[in-house]
Amino acid sequence: MTQPDAVIVIDARGLNCPLPVLRLRKRLQSIAAGQTVELIATDRAALRDVPAFCASQGHAVATLSDAGELRFCVRKAITTP
Protein backbone atom coordinates (compact mmCIF):
# COMPACT_ATOMS: atom_id res chain seq x y z
CA MET A 1 0.00 0.00 0.00
CA THR A 2 1.41 3.38 -0.91
CA GLN A 3 0.97 6.02 1.74
CA PRO A 4 -1.91 8.34 0.80
CA ASP A 5 -2.48 11.70 2.45
CA ALA A 6 -4.12 11.03 5.80
CA VAL A 7 -7.34 12.93 6.41
CA ILE A 8 -7.37 12.45 10.17
CA VAL A 9 -4.44 12.25 12.60
CA ILE A 10 -4.73 10.44 15.93
CA ASP A 11 -2.00 11.34 18.40
CA ALA A 12 -1.61 8.34 20.71
CA ARG A 13 1.94 9.15 21.83
CA GLY A 14 2.49 8.17 25.43
CA LEU A 15 -0.55 5.88 25.53
CA ASN A 16 -0.05 2.20 26.26
CA CYS A 17 -1.80 -0.81 24.81
CA PRO A 18 -4.71 -1.12 24.12
CA LEU A 19 -5.50 2.62 23.97
CA PRO A 20 -3.93 3.37 20.55
CA VAL A 21 -5.98 0.58 18.92
CA LEU A 22 -9.15 1.61 20.75
CA ARG A 23 -8.77 5.22 19.57
CA LEU A 24 -8.14 4.02 16.03
CA ARG A 25 -11.19 1.74 16.14
CA LYS A 26 -13.44 4.53 17.42
CA ARG A 27 -12.26 6.97 14.75
CA LEU A 28 -12.63 4.42 11.95
CA GLN A 29 -16.26 3.89 12.97
CA SER A 30 -16.99 7.57 12.32
CA ILE A 31 -15.49 7.92 8.82
CA ALA A 32 -16.48 6.74 5.37
CA ALA A 33 -15.06 3.65 3.71
CA GLY A 34 -11.91 4.44 1.73
CA GLN A 35 -10.87 7.37 3.94
CA THR A 36 -7.51 7.28 5.70
CA VAL A 37 -6.36 7.84 9.25
CA GLU A 38 -2.81 8.37 10.48
CA LEU A 39 -2.12 6.99 13.94
CA ILE A 40 1.02 8.17 15.77
CA ALA A 41 2.06 5.98 18.71
CA THR A 42 5.10 5.38 20.90
CA ASP A 43 4.07 2.06 22.50
CA ARG A 44 6.09 -0.68 20.76
CA ALA A 45 3.17 -3.11 21.24
CA ALA A 46 1.37 -1.09 18.55
CA LEU A 47 3.74 -2.66 15.99
CA ARG A 48 1.90 -5.93 16.58
CA ASP A 49 -1.52 -4.72 17.69
CA VAL A 50 -2.41 -2.18 14.98
CA PRO A 51 -1.63 -4.45 11.97
CA ALA A 52 -3.44 -7.35 13.68
CA PHE A 53 -6.52 -5.21 14.28
CA CYS A 54 -6.48 -3.89 10.71
CA ALA A 55 -6.11 -7.38 9.26
CA SER A 56 -9.05 -8.65 11.32
CA GLN A 57 -11.24 -5.82 10.03
CA GLY A 58 -10.02 -5.74 6.43
CA HIS A 59 -8.39 -2.30 6.64
CA ALA A 60 -5.19 -1.60 4.69
CA VAL A 61 -2.25 -0.42 6.79
CA ALA A 62 1.25 0.94 6.12
CA THR A 63 3.71 1.21 9.02
CA LEU A 64 6.57 3.68 9.35
CA SER A 65 9.02 4.07 12.24
CA ASP A 66 10.66 7.45 12.79
CA ALA A 67 12.80 8.55 15.75
CA GLY A 68 10.98 6.44 18.33
CA GLU A 69 7.55 7.20 16.93
CA LEU A 70 5.44 4.71 15.06
CA ARG A 71 3.18 5.95 12.30
CA PHE A 72 0.38 3.88 10.85
CA CYS A 73 -1.52 4.99 7.78
CA VAL A 74 -4.82 3.10 7.76
CA ARG A 75 -7.34 3.08 4.91
CA LYS A 76 -10.80 2.06 6.05
CA ALA A 77 -12.13 -1.04 4.33
CA ILE A 78 -15.10 -0.83 1.98
CA THR A 79 -16.85 -3.48 4.06
CA THR A 80 -15.83 -4.86 7.44
CA PRO A 81 -16.31 -8.43 8.65
PDB file of N, CA and C in Angstrom:
ATOM      1  N   MET A   1       0.845  -1.174   0.000  1.00  0.00           N
ATOM      2  CA  MET A   1       0.000   0.000   0.000  1.00  0.00           C
ATOM      3  C   MET A   1       0.884   1.229   0.000  1.00  0.00           C
ATOM      4  N   THR A   2       0.696   2.125  -0.943  1.00  0.00           N
ATOM      5  CA  THR A   2       1.410   3.381  -0.906  1.00  0.00           C
ATOM      6  C   THR A   2       0.752   4.272   0.128  1.00  0.00           C
ATOM      7  N   GLN A   3       1.504   5.201   0.676  1.00  0.00           N
ATOM      8  CA  GLN A   3       0.967   6.021   1.743  1.00  0.00           C
ATOM      9  C   GLN A   3       0.214   7.211   1.168  1.00  0.00           C
ATOM     10  N   PRO A   4      -1.128   7.197   1.267  1.00  0.00           N
ATOM     11  CA  PRO A   4      -1.909   8.341   0.803  1.00  0.00           C
ATOM     12  C   PRO A   4      -1.883   9.443   1.846  1.00  0.00           C
ATOM     13  N   ASP A   5      -2.379  10.631   1.469  1.00  0.00           N
ATOM     14  CA  ASP A   5      -2.484  11.704   2.447  1.00  0.00           C
ATOM     15  C   ASP A   5      -3.544  11.335   3.469  1.00  0.00           C
ATOM     16  N   ALA A   6      -3.178  11.358   4.737  1.00  0.00           N
ATOM     17  CA  ALA A   6      -4.123  11.027   5.799  1.00  0.00           C
ATOM     18  C   ALA A   6      -5.086  12.190   6.001  1.00  0.00           C
ATOM     19  N   VAL A   7      -6.345  11.880   6.189  1.00  0.00           N
ATOM     20  CA  VAL A   7      -7.338  12.930   6.406  1.00  0.00           C
ATOM     21  C   VAL A   7      -7.503  13.230   7.885  1.00  0.00           C
ATOM     22  N   ILE A   8      -7.205  12.291   8.733  1.00  0.00           N
ATOM     23  CA  ILE A   8      -7.370  12.449  10.174  1.00  0.00           C
ATOM     24  C   ILE A   8      -6.102  11.944  10.851  1.00  0.00           C
ATOM     25  N   VAL A   9      -5.609  12.671  11.841  1.00  0.00           N
ATOM     26  CA  VAL A   9      -4.436  12.247  12.596  1.00  0.00           C
ATOM     27  C   VAL A   9      -4.858  11.977  14.032  1.00  0.00           C
ATOM     28  N   ILE A  10      -4.485  10.807  14.540  1.00  0.00           N
ATOM     29  CA  ILE A  10      -4.733  10.439  15.930  1.00  0.00           C
ATOM     30  C   ILE A  10      -3.388  10.430  16.642  1.00  0.00           C
ATOM     31  N   ASP A  11      -3.241  11.278  17.645  1.00  0.00           N
ATOM     32  CA  ASP A  11      -2.002  11.343  18.404  1.00  0.00           C
ATOM     33  C   ASP A  11      -2.146  10.460  19.643  1.00  0.00           C
ATOM     34  N   ALA A  12      -1.552   9.276  19.589  1.00  0.00           N
ATOM     35  CA  ALA A  12      -1.615   8.340  20.710  1.00  0.00           C
ATOM     36  C   ALA A  12      -0.245   8.190  21.365  1.00  0.00           C
ATOM     37  N   ARG A  13       0.611   9.191  21.199  1.00  0.00           N
ATOM     38  CA  ARG A  13       1.936   9.151  21.827  1.00  0.00           C
ATOM     39  C   ARG A  13       1.771   9.136  23.344  1.00  0.00           C
ATOM     40  N   GLY A  14       2.533   8.269  23.983  1.00  0.00           N
ATOM     41  CA  GLY A  14       2.492   8.166  25.434  1.00  0.00           C
ATOM     42  C   GLY A  14       1.393   7.257  25.963  1.00  0.00           C
ATOM     43  N   LEU A  15       0.525   6.775  25.104  1.00  0.00           N
ATOM     44  CA  LEU A  15      -0.551   5.878  25.527  1.00  0.00           C
ATOM     45  C   LEU A  15      -0.099   4.435  25.350  1.00  0.00           C
ATOM     46  N   ASN A  16      -0.414   3.608  26.327  1.00  0.00           N
ATOM     47  CA  ASN A  16      -0.048   2.199  26.265  1.00  0.00           C
ATOM     48  C   ASN A  16      -1.201   1.357  25.753  1.00  0.00           C
ATOM     49  N   CYS A  17      -0.845   0.168  25.299  1.00  0.00           N
ATOM     50  CA  CYS A  17      -1.799  -0.814  24.813  1.00  0.00           C
ATOM     51  C   CYS A  17      -2.899  -1.021  25.849  1.00  0.00           C
ATOM     52  N   PRO A  18      -4.134  -1.065  25.462  1.00  0.00           N
ATOM     53  CA  PRO A  18      -4.713  -1.116  24.123  1.00  0.00           C
ATOM     54  C   PRO A  18      -5.233   0.229  23.624  1.00  0.00           C
ATOM     55  N   LEU A  19      -4.909   1.326  24.313  1.00  0.00           N
ATOM     56  CA  LEU A  19      -5.503   2.625  23.972  1.00  0.00           C
ATOM     57  C   LEU A  19      -5.272   3.088  22.534  1.00  0.00           C
ATOM     58  N   PRO A  20      -4.067   2.939  21.941  1.00  0.00           N
ATOM     59  CA  PRO A  20      -3.928   3.367  20.546  1.00  0.00           C
ATOM     60  C   PRO A  20      -4.901   2.643  19.604  1.00  0.00           C
ATOM     61  N   VAL A  21      -5.059   1.339  19.779  1.00  0.00           N
ATOM     62  CA  VAL A  21      -5.977   0.576  18.920  1.00  0.00           C
ATOM     63  C   VAL A  21      -7.429   0.982  19.183  1.00  0.00           C
ATOM     64  N   LEU A  22      -7.770   1.207  20.429  1.00  0.00           N
ATOM     65  CA  LEU A  22      -9.147   1.610  20.748  1.00  0.00           C
ATOM     66  C   LEU A  22      -9.474   2.973  20.149  1.00  0.00           C
ATOM     67  N   ARG A  23      -8.531   3.900  20.188  1.00  0.00           N
ATOM     68  CA  ARG A  23      -8.773   5.223  19.573  1.00  0.00           C
ATOM     69  C   ARG A  23      -8.886   5.108  18.054  1.00  0.00           C
ATOM     70  N   LEU A  24      -8.056   4.255  17.474  1.00  0.00           N
ATOM     71  CA  LEU A  24      -8.142   4.019  16.034  1.00  0.00           C
ATOM     72  C   LEU A  24      -9.492   3.418  15.669  1.00  0.00           C
ATOM     73  N   ARG A  25      -9.900   2.411  16.401  1.00  0.00           N
ATOM     74  CA  ARG A  25     -11.186   1.744  16.135  1.00  0.00           C
ATOM     75  C   ARG A  25     -12.343   2.729  16.209  1.00  0.00           C
ATOM     76  N   LYS A  26     -12.357   3.552  17.243  1.00  0.00           N
ATOM     77  CA  LYS A  26     -13.439   4.534  17.418  1.00  0.00           C
ATOM     78  C   LYS A  26     -13.474   5.521  16.256  1.00  0.00           C
ATOM     79  N   ARG A  27     -12.301   5.998  15.847  1.00  0.00           N
ATOM     80  CA  ARG A  27     -12.258   6.972  14.750  1.00  0.00           C
ATOM     81  C   ARG A  27     -12.678   6.341  13.430  1.00  0.00           C
ATOM     82  N   LEU A  28     -12.258   5.105  13.187  1.00  0.00           N
ATOM     83  CA  LEU A  28     -12.634   4.421  11.953  1.00  0.00           C
ATOM     84  C   LEU A  28     -14.140   4.222  11.852  1.00  0.00           C
ATOM     85  N   GLN A  29     -14.806   4.063  12.981  1.00  0.00           N
ATOM     86  CA  GLN A  29     -16.259   3.890  12.968  1.00  0.00           C
ATOM     87  C   GLN A  29     -16.976   5.150  12.508  1.00  0.00           C
ATOM     88  N   SER A  30     -16.329   6.303  12.631  1.00  0.00           N
ATOM     89  CA  SER A  30     -16.988   7.568  12.322  1.00  0.00           C
ATOM     90  C   SER A  30     -16.643   8.139  10.949  1.00  0.00           C
ATOM     91  N   ILE A  31     -15.856   7.410  10.148  1.00  0.00           N
ATOM     92  CA  ILE A  31     -15.488   7.916   8.823  1.00  0.00           C
ATOM     93  C   ILE A  31     -16.018   6.990   7.731  1.00  0.00           C
ATOM     94  N   ALA A  32     -15.995   7.503   6.523  1.00  0.00           N
ATOM     95  CA  ALA A  32     -16.483   6.741   5.371  1.00  0.00           C
ATOM     96  C   ALA A  32     -15.447   5.725   4.902  1.00  0.00           C
ATOM     97  N   ALA A  33     -15.933   4.664   4.293  1.00  0.00           N
ATOM     98  CA  ALA A  33     -15.061   3.655   3.705  1.00  0.00           C
ATOM     99  C   ALA A  33     -14.146   4.315   2.678  1.00  0.00           C
ATOM    100  N   GLY A  34     -12.883   3.888   2.671  1.00  0.00           N
ATOM    101  CA  GLY A  34     -11.912   4.436   1.732  1.00  0.00           C
ATOM    102  C   GLY A  34     -11.130   5.623   2.274  1.00  0.00           C
ATOM    103  N   GLN A  35     -11.607   6.255   3.346  1.00  0.00           N
ATOM    104  CA  GLN A  35     -10.867   7.366   3.937  1.00  0.00           C
ATOM    105  C   GLN A  35      -9.682   6.829   4.728  1.00  0.00           C
ATOM    106  N   THR A  36      -8.715   7.705   4.996  1.00  0.00           N
ATOM    107  CA  THR A  36      -7.515   7.279   5.702  1.00  0.00           C
ATOM    108  C   THR A  36      -7.350   8.001   7.030  1.00  0.00           C
ATOM    109  N   VAL A  37      -6.678   7.324   7.931  1.00  0.00           N
ATOM    110  CA  VAL A  37      -6.364   7.841   9.255  1.00  0.00           C
ATOM    111  C   VAL A  37      -4.886   7.596   9.493  1.00  0.00           C
ATOM    112  N   GLU A  38      -4.198   8.573  10.062  1.00  0.00           N
ATOM    113  CA  GLU A  38      -2.814   8.370  10.476  1.00  0.00           C
ATOM    114  C   GLU A  38      -2.795   8.281  11.996  1.00  0.00           C
ATOM    115  N   LEU A  39      -2.251   7.202  12.512  1.00  0.00           N
ATOM    116  CA  LEU A  39      -2.116   6.988  13.945  1.00  0.00           C
ATOM    117  C   LEU A  39      -0.646   7.133  14.309  1.00  0.00           C
ATOM    118  N   ILE A  40      -0.350   7.994  15.284  1.00  0.00           N
ATOM    119  CA  ILE A  40       1.015   8.166  15.770  1.00  0.00           C
ATOM    120  C   ILE A  40       1.064   7.591  17.178  1.00  0.00           C
ATOM    121  N   ALA A  41       1.964   6.645  17.412  1.00  0.00           N
ATOM    122  CA  ALA A  41       2.063   5.980  18.712  1.00  0.00           C
ATOM    123  C   ALA A  41       3.522   5.824  19.105  1.00  0.00           C
ATOM    124  N   THR A  42       3.749   5.634  20.406  1.00  0.00           N
ATOM    125  CA  THR A  42       5.097   5.375  20.904  1.00  0.00           C
ATOM    126  C   THR A  42       5.192   4.009  21.567  1.00  0.00           C
ATOM    127  N   ASP A  43       4.079   3.387  21.872  1.00  0.00           N
ATOM    128  CA  ASP A  43       4.072   2.063  22.501  1.00  0.00           C
ATOM    129  C   ASP A  43       4.484   1.016  21.464  1.00  0.00           C
ATOM    130  N   ARG A  44       5.579   0.312  21.718  1.00  0.00           N
ATOM    131  CA  ARG A  44       6.090  -0.677  20.765  1.00  0.00           C
ATOM    132  C   ARG A  44       5.102  -1.814  20.513  1.00  0.00           C
ATOM    133  N   ALA A  45       4.184  -2.063  21.439  1.00  0.00           N
ATOM    134  CA  ALA A  45       3.174  -3.106  21.238  1.00  0.00           C
ATOM    135  C   ALA A  45       2.271  -2.774  20.056  1.00  0.00           C
ATOM    136  N   ALA A  46       2.192  -1.500  19.694  1.00  0.00           N
ATOM    137  CA  ALA A  46       1.371  -1.092  18.554  1.00  0.00           C
ATOM    138  C   ALA A  46       1.887  -1.704  17.249  1.00  0.00           C
ATOM    139  N   LEU A  47       3.186  -2.020  17.192  1.00  0.00           N
ATOM    140  CA  LEU A  47       3.739  -2.657  15.989  1.00  0.00           C
ATOM    141  C   LEU A  47       3.061  -3.990  15.694  1.00  0.00           C
ATOM    142  N   ARG A  48       2.605  -4.658  16.720  1.00  0.00           N
ATOM    143  CA  ARG A  48       1.903  -5.931  16.581  1.00  0.00           C
ATOM    144  C   ARG A  48       0.388  -5.714  16.567  1.00  0.00           C
ATOM    145  N   ASP A  49      -0.090  -4.867  17.476  1.00  0.00           N
ATOM    146  CA  ASP A  49      -1.524  -4.723  17.690  1.00  0.00           C
ATOM    147  C   ASP A  49      -2.267  -4.022  16.542  1.00  0.00           C
ATOM    148  N   VAL A  50      -1.715  -2.936  16.026  1.00  0.00           N
ATOM    149  CA  VAL A  50      -2.415  -2.185  14.978  1.00  0.00           C
ATOM    150  C   VAL A  50      -2.549  -3.016  13.693  1.00  0.00           C
ATOM    151  N   PRO A  51      -1.462  -3.616  13.173  1.00  0.00           N
ATOM    152  CA  PRO A  51      -1.628  -4.450  11.974  1.00  0.00           C
ATOM    153  C   PRO A  51      -2.579  -5.632  12.193  1.00  0.00           C
ATOM    154  N   ALA A  52      -2.540  -6.230  13.391  1.00  0.00           N
ATOM    155  CA  ALA A  52      -3.441  -7.355  13.678  1.00  0.00           C
ATOM    156  C   ALA A  52      -4.896  -6.892  13.672  1.00  0.00           C
ATOM    157  N   PHE A  53      -5.167  -5.755  14.285  1.00  0.00           N
ATOM    158  CA  PHE A  53      -6.523  -5.208  14.279  1.00  0.00           C
ATOM    159  C   PHE A  53      -6.978  -4.907  12.856  1.00  0.00           C
ATOM    160  N   CYS A  54      -6.119  -4.251  12.087  1.00  0.00           N
ATOM    161  CA  CYS A  54      -6.478  -3.889  10.714  1.00  0.00           C
ATOM    162  C   CYS A  54      -6.740  -5.130   9.866  1.00  0.00           C
ATOM    163  N   ALA A  55      -5.916  -6.147  10.018  1.00  0.00           N
ATOM    164  CA  ALA A  55      -6.108  -7.382   9.260  1.00  0.00           C
ATOM    165  C   ALA A  55      -7.435  -8.041   9.622  1.00  0.00           C
ATOM    166  N   SER A  56      -7.795  -8.014  10.895  1.00  0.00           N
ATOM    167  CA  SER A  56      -9.049  -8.653  11.320  1.00  0.00           C
ATOM    168  C   SER A  56     -10.277  -7.921  10.804  1.00  0.00           C
ATOM    169  N   GLN A  57     -10.118  -6.632  10.495  1.00  0.00           N
ATOM    170  CA  GLN A  57     -11.244  -5.824  10.034  1.00  0.00           C
ATOM    171  C   GLN A  57     -11.212  -5.544   8.528  1.00  0.00           C
ATOM    172  N   GLY A  58     -10.126  -5.939   7.867  1.00  0.00           N
ATOM    173  CA  GLY A  58     -10.016  -5.741   6.425  1.00  0.00           C
ATOM    174  C   GLY A  58      -9.473  -4.386   6.015  1.00  0.00           C
ATOM    175  N   HIS A  59      -8.957  -3.612   6.960  1.00  0.00           N
ATOM    176  CA  HIS A  59      -8.391  -2.300   6.643  1.00  0.00           C
ATOM    177  C   HIS A  59      -6.963  -2.465   6.123  1.00  0.00           C
ATOM    178  N   ALA A  60      -6.564  -1.605   5.195  1.00  0.00           N
ATOM    179  CA  ALA A  60      -5.192  -1.605   4.688  1.00  0.00           C
ATOM    180  C   ALA A  60      -4.345  -0.736   5.611  1.00  0.00           C
ATOM    181  N   VAL A  61      -3.110  -1.170   5.884  1.00  0.00           N
ATOM    182  CA  VAL A  61      -2.245  -0.416   6.789  1.00  0.00           C
ATOM    183  C   VAL A  61      -0.818  -0.386   6.273  1.00  0.00           C
ATOM    184  N   ALA A  62      -0.183   0.778   6.401  1.00  0.00           N
ATOM    185  CA  ALA A  62       1.245   0.945   6.120  1.00  0.00           C
ATOM    186  C   ALA A  62       1.881   1.436   7.417  1.00  0.00           C
ATOM    187  N   THR A  63       3.041   0.883   7.760  1.00  0.00           N
ATOM    188  CA  THR A  63       3.705   1.207   9.017  1.00  0.00           C
ATOM    189  C   THR A  63       5.046   1.877   8.739  1.00  0.00           C
ATOM    190  N   LEU A  64       5.297   2.975   9.442  1.00  0.00           N
ATOM    191  CA  LEU A  64       6.575   3.679   9.355  1.00  0.00           C
ATOM    192  C   LEU A  64       7.095   3.896  10.766  1.00  0.00           C
ATOM    193  N   SER A  65       8.401   3.810  10.941  1.00  0.00           N
ATOM    194  CA  SER A  65       9.020   4.072  12.238  1.00  0.00           C
ATOM    195  C   SER A  65       9.976   5.236  12.061  1.00  0.00           C
ATOM    196  N   ASP A  66       9.850   6.247  12.940  1.00  0.00           N
ATOM    197  CA  ASP A  66      10.657   7.448  12.785  1.00  0.00           C
ATOM    198  C   ASP A  66      11.027   8.003  14.160  1.00  0.00           C
ATOM    199  N   ALA A  67      12.284   7.943  14.516  1.00  0.00           N
ATOM    200  CA  ALA A  67      12.804   8.548  15.747  1.00  0.00           C
ATOM    201  C   ALA A  67      11.990   8.174  16.981  1.00  0.00           C
ATOM    202  N   GLY A  68      11.707   6.894  17.153  1.00  0.00           N
ATOM    203  CA  GLY A  68      10.983   6.445  18.332  1.00  0.00           C
ATOM    204  C   GLY A  68       9.478   6.514  18.217  1.00  0.00           C
ATOM    205  N   GLU A  69       8.992   7.137  17.155  1.00  0.00           N
ATOM    206  CA  GLU A  69       7.547   7.203  16.930  1.00  0.00           C
ATOM    207  C   GLU A  69       7.149   6.208  15.851  1.00  0.00           C
ATOM    208  N   LEU A  70       6.004   5.623  16.047  1.00  0.00           N
ATOM    209  CA  LEU A  70       5.439   4.710  15.061  1.00  0.00           C
ATOM    210  C   LEU A  70       4.300   5.424  14.372  1.00  0.00           C
ATOM    211  N   ARG A  71       4.257   5.325  13.067  1.00  0.00           N
ATOM    212  CA  ARG A  71       3.177   5.948  12.301  1.00  0.00           C
ATOM    213  C   ARG A  71       2.499   4.875  11.470  1.00  0.00           C
ATOM    214  N   PHE A  72       1.189   4.843  11.578  1.00  0.00           N
ATOM    215  CA  PHE A  72       0.380   3.880  10.848  1.00  0.00           C
ATOM    216  C   PHE A  72      -0.591   4.658   9.979  1.00  0.00           C
ATOM    217  N   CYS A  73      -0.561   4.389   8.698  1.00  0.00           N
ATOM    218  CA  CYS A  73      -1.519   4.989   7.781  1.00  0.00           C
ATOM    219  C   CYS A  73      -2.539   3.895   7.451  1.00  0.00           C
ATOM    220  N   VAL A  74      -3.783   4.120   7.873  1.00  0.00           N
ATOM    221  CA  VAL A  74      -4.820   3.102   7.764  1.00  0.00           C
ATOM    222  C   VAL A  74      -5.914   3.597   6.835  1.00  0.00           C
ATOM    223  N   ARG A  75      -6.210   2.779   5.815  1.00  0.00           N
ATOM    224  CA  ARG A  75      -7.335   3.085   4.910  1.00  0.00           C
ATOM    225  C   ARG A  75      -8.497   2.195   5.294  1.00  0.00           C
ATOM    226  N   LYS A  76      -9.635   2.812   5.609  1.00  0.00           N
ATOM    227  CA  LYS A  76     -10.802   2.059   6.052  1.00  0.00           C
ATOM    228  C   LYS A  76     -11.312   1.164   4.935  1.00  0.00           C
ATOM    229  N   ALA A  77     -11.631  -0.062   5.301  1.00  0.00           N
ATOM    230  CA  ALA A  77     -12.129  -1.044   4.335  1.00  0.00           C
ATOM    231  C   ALA A  77     -13.490  -0.623   3.797  1.00  0.00           C
ATOM    232  N   ILE A  78     -13.786  -1.088   2.584  1.00  0.00           N
ATOM    233  CA  ILE A  78     -15.098  -0.833   1.978  1.00  0.00           C
ATOM    234  C   ILE A  78     -16.189  -1.524   2.802  1.00  0.00           C
ATOM    235  N   THR A  79     -15.930  -2.757   3.175  1.00  0.00           N
ATOM    236  CA  THR A  79     -16.846  -3.484   4.059  1.00  0.00           C
ATOM    237  C   THR A  79     -16.012  -4.129   5.145  1.00  0.00           C
ATOM    238  N   THR A  80     -16.547  -4.226   6.357  1.00  0.00           N
ATOM    239  CA  THR A  80     -15.826  -4.861   7.442  1.00  0.00           C
ATOM    240  C   THR A  80     -16.522  -6.156   7.833  1.00  0.00           C
ATOM    241  N   PRO A  81     -15.738  -7.140   8.278  1.00  0.00           N
ATOM    242  CA  PRO A  81     -16.308  -8.434   8.647  1.00  0.00           C
ATOM    243  C   PRO A  81     -17.253  -8.337   9.836  1.00  0.00           C
TER     244      PRO A  81
END
